[in-house]
Amino acid sequence: MFGRLRKTWGKKAAERNEERRPAPPATERRAHNLFEAAAAYVSACAEDDQDRIDEAAGWVSPEALSFGVNELACRAVIALARERDESPRTVARTLLGLPAV
């Protein structure tokens, strides 16, 4: 008798635990963060790959993508400036083909 109660109680407890767990996503698609999106977007632009550009642009909002691209540009200019032992302003102007100031 107690075995039957324990078995029934165990099933009910398991059912309650299942109800509390969030359902797994319908698709196994992983969410991308804005820095992944920015890196994918910029590298796709550099390679002129429109399909990858469109894909990366869909990962996050346009505002988040803009922020990520800006952050990537800042970090890239700083890294190049350190590597070249120049100011970030000089490096940025050189990359854009602008005359030195």
N, C-alpha and C. Protein backbone atom coordinates (compact mmCIF):
# COMPACT_ATOMS: atom_id res chain seq x y z
N MET A 1 0.83 -1.20 0.00
CA MET A 1 0.00 0.00 0.00
C MET A 1 0.87 1.26 0.00
N PHE A 2 1.87 1.31 0.90
CA PHE A 2 2.74 2.49 0.96
C PHE A 2 3.56 2.63 -0.32
N GLY A 3 3.94 1.51 -0.90
CA GLY A 3 4.67 1.55 -2.16
C GLY A 3 3.85 2.20 -3.26
N ARG A 4 2.56 1.88 -3.30
CA ARG A 4 1.67 2.46 -4.30
C ARG A 4 1.52 3.97 -4.06
N LEU A 5 1.38 4.37 -2.79
CA LEU A 5 1.27 5.80 -2.46
C LEU A 5 2.54 6.54 -2.86
N ARG A 6 3.68 5.94 -2.53
CA ARG A 6 4.95 6.57 -2.87
C ARG A 6 5.09 6.72 -4.39
N LYS A 7 4.70 5.71 -5.12
CA LYS A 7 4.78 5.73 -6.58
C LYS A 7 3.87 6.82 -7.14
N THR A 8 2.64 6.89 -6.66
CA THR A 8 1.68 7.90 -7.12
C THR A 8 2.16 9.29 -6.73
N TRP A 9 2.61 9.45 -5.49
CA TRP A 9 3.10 10.75 -5.02
C TRP A 9 4.32 11.19 -5.82
N GLY A 10 5.21 10.25 -6.12
CA GLY A 10 6.40 10.57 -6.91
C GLY A 10 6.03 11.05 -8.30
N LYS A 11 5.04 10.42 -8.94
CA LYS A 11 4.60 10.86 -10.27
C LYS A 11 4.02 12.27 -10.21
N LYS A 12 3.19 12.53 -9.17
CA LYS A 12 2.57 13.85 -9.04
C LYS A 12 3.63 14.92 -8.81
N ALA A 13 4.63 14.62 -7.98
CA ALA A 13 5.70 15.59 -7.71
C ALA A 13 6.50 15.85 -8.98
N ALA A 14 6.76 14.80 -9.75
CA ALA A 14 7.50 14.97 -11.00
C ALA A 14 6.72 15.82 -11.99
N GLU A 15 5.40 15.61 -12.03
CA GLU A 15 4.56 16.41 -12.93
C GLU A 15 4.57 17.88 -12.52
N ARG A 16 4.54 18.13 -11.21
CA ARG A 16 4.58 19.53 -10.74
C ARG A 16 5.92 20.18 -11.09
N ASN A 17 7.00 19.43 -10.96
CA ASN A 17 8.32 19.96 -11.31
C ASN A 17 8.41 20.26 -12.79
N GLU A 18 7.82 19.43 -13.64
CA GLU A 18 7.82 19.66 -15.08
C GLU A 18 7.06 20.93 -15.42
N GLU A 19 5.96 21.18 -14.70
CA GLU A 19 5.17 22.38 -14.96
C GLU A 19 5.94 23.64 -14.62
N ARG A 20 6.84 23.57 -13.65
CA ARG A 20 7.61 24.74 -13.21
C ARG A 20 8.74 25.09 -14.15
N ARG A 21 9.28 24.10 -14.84
CA ARG A 21 10.40 24.34 -15.75
C ARG A 21 9.91 25.06 -17.00
N PRO A 22 10.68 26.04 -17.45
CA PRO A 22 10.30 26.70 -18.71
C PRO A 22 10.46 25.72 -19.87
N ALA A 23 9.60 25.85 -20.81
CA ALA A 23 9.65 24.99 -21.99
C ALA A 23 10.89 25.31 -22.81
N PRO A 24 11.54 24.29 -23.34
CA PRO A 24 12.70 24.57 -24.19
C PRO A 24 12.25 25.30 -25.45
N PRO A 25 13.12 26.12 -26.00
CA PRO A 25 12.74 26.87 -27.21
C PRO A 25 12.38 25.93 -28.35
N ALA A 26 11.44 26.38 -29.17
CA ALA A 26 10.99 25.56 -30.29
C ALA A 26 12.14 25.29 -31.25
N THR A 27 12.98 26.28 -31.43
CA THR A 27 14.15 26.09 -32.29
C THR A 27 15.39 26.12 -31.40
N GLU A 28 16.40 25.47 -31.82
CA GLU A 28 17.64 25.42 -31.07
C GLU A 28 18.57 26.56 -31.47
N ARG A 29 18.00 27.69 -31.87
CA ARG A 29 18.79 28.83 -32.31
C ARG A 29 19.32 29.59 -31.11
N ARG A 30 20.60 29.86 -31.12
CA ARG A 30 21.25 30.57 -30.03
C ARG A 30 21.15 32.06 -30.28
N ALA A 31 20.89 32.81 -29.23
CA ALA A 31 20.83 34.27 -29.35
C ALA A 31 22.24 34.82 -29.50
N HIS A 32 22.38 35.81 -30.34
CA HIS A 32 23.68 36.45 -30.56
C HIS A 32 23.73 37.76 -29.79
N ASN A 33 24.90 38.10 -29.27
CA ASN A 33 25.01 39.40 -28.62
C ASN A 33 25.45 40.44 -29.64
N LEU A 34 25.41 41.69 -29.24
CA LEU A 34 25.67 42.78 -30.19
C LEU A 34 27.11 42.78 -30.69
N PHE A 35 28.05 42.30 -29.89
CA PHE A 35 29.44 42.29 -30.34
C PHE A 35 29.68 41.19 -31.38
N GLU A 36 29.02 40.04 -31.21
CA GLU A 36 29.10 39.00 -32.24
C GLU A 36 28.48 39.51 -33.54
N ALA A 37 27.35 40.18 -33.41
CA ALA A 37 26.68 40.72 -34.60
C ALA A 37 27.56 41.75 -35.29
N ALA A 38 28.18 42.63 -34.52
CA ALA A 38 29.04 43.66 -35.10
C ALA A 38 30.25 43.04 -35.80
N ALA A 39 30.87 42.05 -35.16
CA ALA A 39 32.03 41.41 -35.77
C ALA A 39 31.65 40.71 -37.07
N ALA A 40 30.53 40.00 -37.05
CA ALA A 40 30.08 39.31 -38.26
C ALA A 40 29.71 40.30 -39.35
N TYR A 41 29.04 41.39 -38.96
CA TYR A 41 28.60 42.40 -39.92
C TYR A 41 29.80 43.09 -40.59
N VAL A 42 30.75 43.52 -39.78
CA VAL A 42 31.91 44.24 -40.32
C VAL A 42 32.77 43.32 -41.19
N SER A 43 32.98 42.09 -40.73
CA SER A 43 33.80 41.18 -41.55
C SER A 43 33.08 40.84 -42.86
N ALA A 44 31.76 40.71 -42.82
CA ALA A 44 31.00 40.46 -44.05
C ALA A 44 31.06 41.66 -44.99
N CYS A 45 31.01 42.86 -44.43
CA CYS A 45 31.14 44.07 -45.26
C CYS A 45 32.51 44.13 -45.91
N ALA A 46 33.54 43.77 -45.15
CA ALA A 46 34.91 43.80 -45.68
C ALA A 46 35.06 42.79 -46.82
N GLU A 47 34.34 41.68 -46.74
CA GLU A 47 34.41 40.65 -47.78
C GLU A 47 33.32 40.82 -48.83
N ASP A 48 32.50 41.84 -48.70
CA ASP A 48 31.41 42.14 -49.63
C ASP A 48 30.47 40.95 -49.80
N ASP A 49 30.08 40.35 -48.67
CA ASP A 49 29.21 39.17 -48.66
C ASP A 49 27.82 39.60 -48.19
N GLN A 50 26.94 39.93 -49.12
CA GLN A 50 25.63 40.48 -48.80
C GLN A 50 24.77 39.53 -47.97
N ASP A 51 24.86 38.24 -48.22
CA ASP A 51 24.06 37.28 -47.45
C ASP A 51 24.45 37.31 -45.97
N ARG A 52 25.76 37.32 -45.70
CA ARG A 52 26.22 37.38 -44.30
C ARG A 52 25.91 38.74 -43.68
N ILE A 53 25.96 39.80 -44.47
CA ILE A 53 25.61 41.13 -43.96
C ILE A 53 24.16 41.12 -43.50
N ASP A 54 23.27 40.60 -44.34
CA ASP A 54 21.85 40.55 -43.99
C ASP A 54 21.60 39.67 -42.77
N GLU A 55 22.29 38.55 -42.71
CA GLU A 55 22.11 37.64 -41.58
C GLU A 55 22.53 38.32 -40.27
N ALA A 56 23.73 38.90 -40.26
CA ALA A 56 24.23 39.55 -39.04
C ALA A 56 23.36 40.73 -38.64
N ALA A 57 22.86 41.46 -39.62
CA ALA A 57 22.00 42.62 -39.32
C ALA A 57 20.69 42.20 -38.67
N GLY A 58 20.29 40.96 -38.88
CA GLY A 58 19.05 40.47 -38.28
C GLY A 58 19.22 39.92 -36.88
N TRP A 59 20.43 39.78 -36.40
CA TRP A 59 20.67 39.20 -35.08
C TRP A 59 20.28 40.14 -33.94
N VAL A 60 20.45 41.43 -34.13
CA VAL A 60 20.16 42.41 -33.08
C VAL A 60 19.45 43.60 -33.69
N SER A 61 18.99 44.51 -32.87
CA SER A 61 18.31 45.70 -33.36
C SER A 61 19.31 46.60 -34.10
N PRO A 62 18.84 47.45 -34.99
CA PRO A 62 19.74 48.36 -35.71
C PRO A 62 20.55 49.26 -34.76
N GLU A 63 19.92 49.67 -33.67
CA GLU A 63 20.61 50.53 -32.71
C GLU A 63 21.75 49.77 -32.04
N ALA A 64 21.49 48.52 -31.65
CA ALA A 64 22.52 47.71 -31.00
C ALA A 64 23.65 47.42 -31.98
N LEU A 65 23.30 47.13 -33.24
CA LEU A 65 24.33 46.88 -34.24
C LEU A 65 25.20 48.11 -34.45
N SER A 66 24.58 49.27 -34.50
CA SER A 66 25.32 50.53 -34.66
C SER A 66 26.29 50.73 -33.50
N PHE A 67 25.82 50.48 -32.29
CA PHE A 67 26.68 50.61 -31.11
C PHE A 67 27.84 49.62 -31.20
N GLY A 68 27.55 48.38 -31.57
CA GLY A 68 28.60 47.36 -31.67
C GLY A 68 29.64 47.68 -32.73
N VAL A 69 29.18 48.18 -33.88
CA VAL A 69 30.11 48.55 -34.95
C VAL A 69 30.98 49.72 -34.49
N ASN A 70 30.39 50.68 -33.82
CA ASN A 70 31.16 51.82 -33.30
C ASN A 70 32.21 51.36 -32.29
N GLU A 71 31.82 50.46 -31.39
CA GLU A 71 32.76 49.95 -30.39
C GLU A 71 33.89 49.17 -31.07
N LEU A 72 33.56 48.38 -32.08
CA LEU A 72 34.57 47.63 -32.82
C LEU A 72 35.54 48.58 -33.52
N ALA A 73 35.01 49.64 -34.12
CA ALA A 73 35.86 50.62 -34.81
C ALA A 73 36.82 51.28 -33.81
N CYS A 74 36.30 51.67 -32.67
CA CYS A 74 37.15 52.31 -31.65
C CYS A 74 38.28 51.37 -31.21
N ARG A 75 37.91 50.14 -30.93
CA ARG A 75 38.92 49.18 -30.47
C ARG A 75 39.95 48.89 -31.56
N ALA A 76 39.50 48.81 -32.80
CA ALA A 76 40.43 48.54 -33.91
C ALA A 76 41.40 49.69 -34.11
N VAL A 77 40.91 50.91 -34.05
CA VAL A 77 41.77 52.09 -34.22
C VAL A 77 42.78 52.17 -33.08
N ILE A 78 42.33 51.91 -31.87
CA ILE A 78 43.24 51.94 -30.71
C ILE A 78 44.32 50.86 -30.86
N ALA A 79 43.92 49.66 -31.26
CA ALA A 79 44.90 48.57 -31.44
C ALA A 79 45.91 48.91 -32.53
N LEU A 80 45.44 49.45 -33.65
CA LEU A 80 46.36 49.83 -34.72
C LEU A 80 47.28 50.98 -34.29
N ALA A 81 46.74 51.93 -33.55
CA ALA A 81 47.55 53.05 -33.09
C ALA A 81 48.68 52.57 -32.18
N ARG A 82 48.35 51.64 -31.30
CA ARG A 82 49.40 51.09 -30.41
C ARG A 82 50.44 50.33 -31.21
N GLU A 83 49.96 49.54 -32.18
CA GLU A 83 50.86 48.74 -33.00
C GLU A 83 51.80 49.62 -33.82
N ARG A 84 51.27 50.72 -34.34
CA ARG A 84 52.05 51.63 -35.19
C ARG A 84 52.75 52.72 -34.40
N ASP A 85 52.48 52.81 -33.13
CA ASP A 85 53.01 53.86 -32.26
C ASP A 85 52.64 55.24 -32.81
N GLU A 86 51.36 55.38 -33.16
CA GLU A 86 50.81 56.64 -33.65
C GLU A 86 49.58 56.97 -32.81
N SER A 87 49.07 58.18 -33.01
CA SER A 87 47.86 58.56 -32.30
C SER A 87 46.64 57.92 -32.98
N PRO A 88 45.59 57.65 -32.22
CA PRO A 88 44.37 57.11 -32.83
C PRO A 88 43.80 58.03 -33.92
N ARG A 89 43.95 59.34 -33.73
CA ARG A 89 43.46 60.29 -34.74
C ARG A 89 44.19 60.11 -36.06
N THR A 90 45.51 59.96 -35.99
CA THR A 90 46.32 59.78 -37.20
C THR A 90 45.94 58.47 -37.91
N VAL A 91 45.79 57.41 -37.13
CA VAL A 91 45.43 56.12 -37.70
C VAL A 91 44.05 56.18 -38.37
N ALA A 92 43.09 56.78 -37.69
CA ALA A 92 41.73 56.88 -38.24
C ALA A 92 41.73 57.67 -39.54
N ARG A 93 42.44 58.77 -39.58
CA ARG A 93 42.49 59.58 -40.79
C ARG A 93 43.19 58.83 -41.92
N THR A 94 44.23 58.10 -41.60
CA THR A 94 44.95 57.30 -42.60
C THR A 94 44.05 56.22 -43.17
N LEU A 95 43.33 55.52 -42.29
CA LEU A 95 42.42 54.47 -42.76
C LEU A 95 41.33 55.00 -43.68
N LEU A 96 40.90 56.21 -43.42
CA LEU A 96 39.85 56.82 -44.25
C LEU A 96 40.41 57.55 -45.46
N GLY A 97 41.72 57.59 -45.59
CA GLY A 97 42.34 58.26 -46.73
C GLY A 97 42.30 59.77 -46.63
N LEU A 98 42.23 60.28 -45.42
CA LEU A 98 42.21 61.73 -45.21
C LEU A 98 43.61 62.25 -45.01
N PRO A 99 43.86 63.50 -45.36
CA PRO A 99 45.20 64.06 -45.15
C PRO A 99 45.49 64.23 -43.66
N ALA A 100 46.77 64.15 -43.33
CA ALA A 100 47.18 64.33 -41.92
C ALA A 100 46.93 65.77 -41.51
N VAL A 101 46.62 65.95 -40.25
CA VAL A 101 46.35 67.29 -39.74
C VAL A 101 47.57 67.84 -39.06
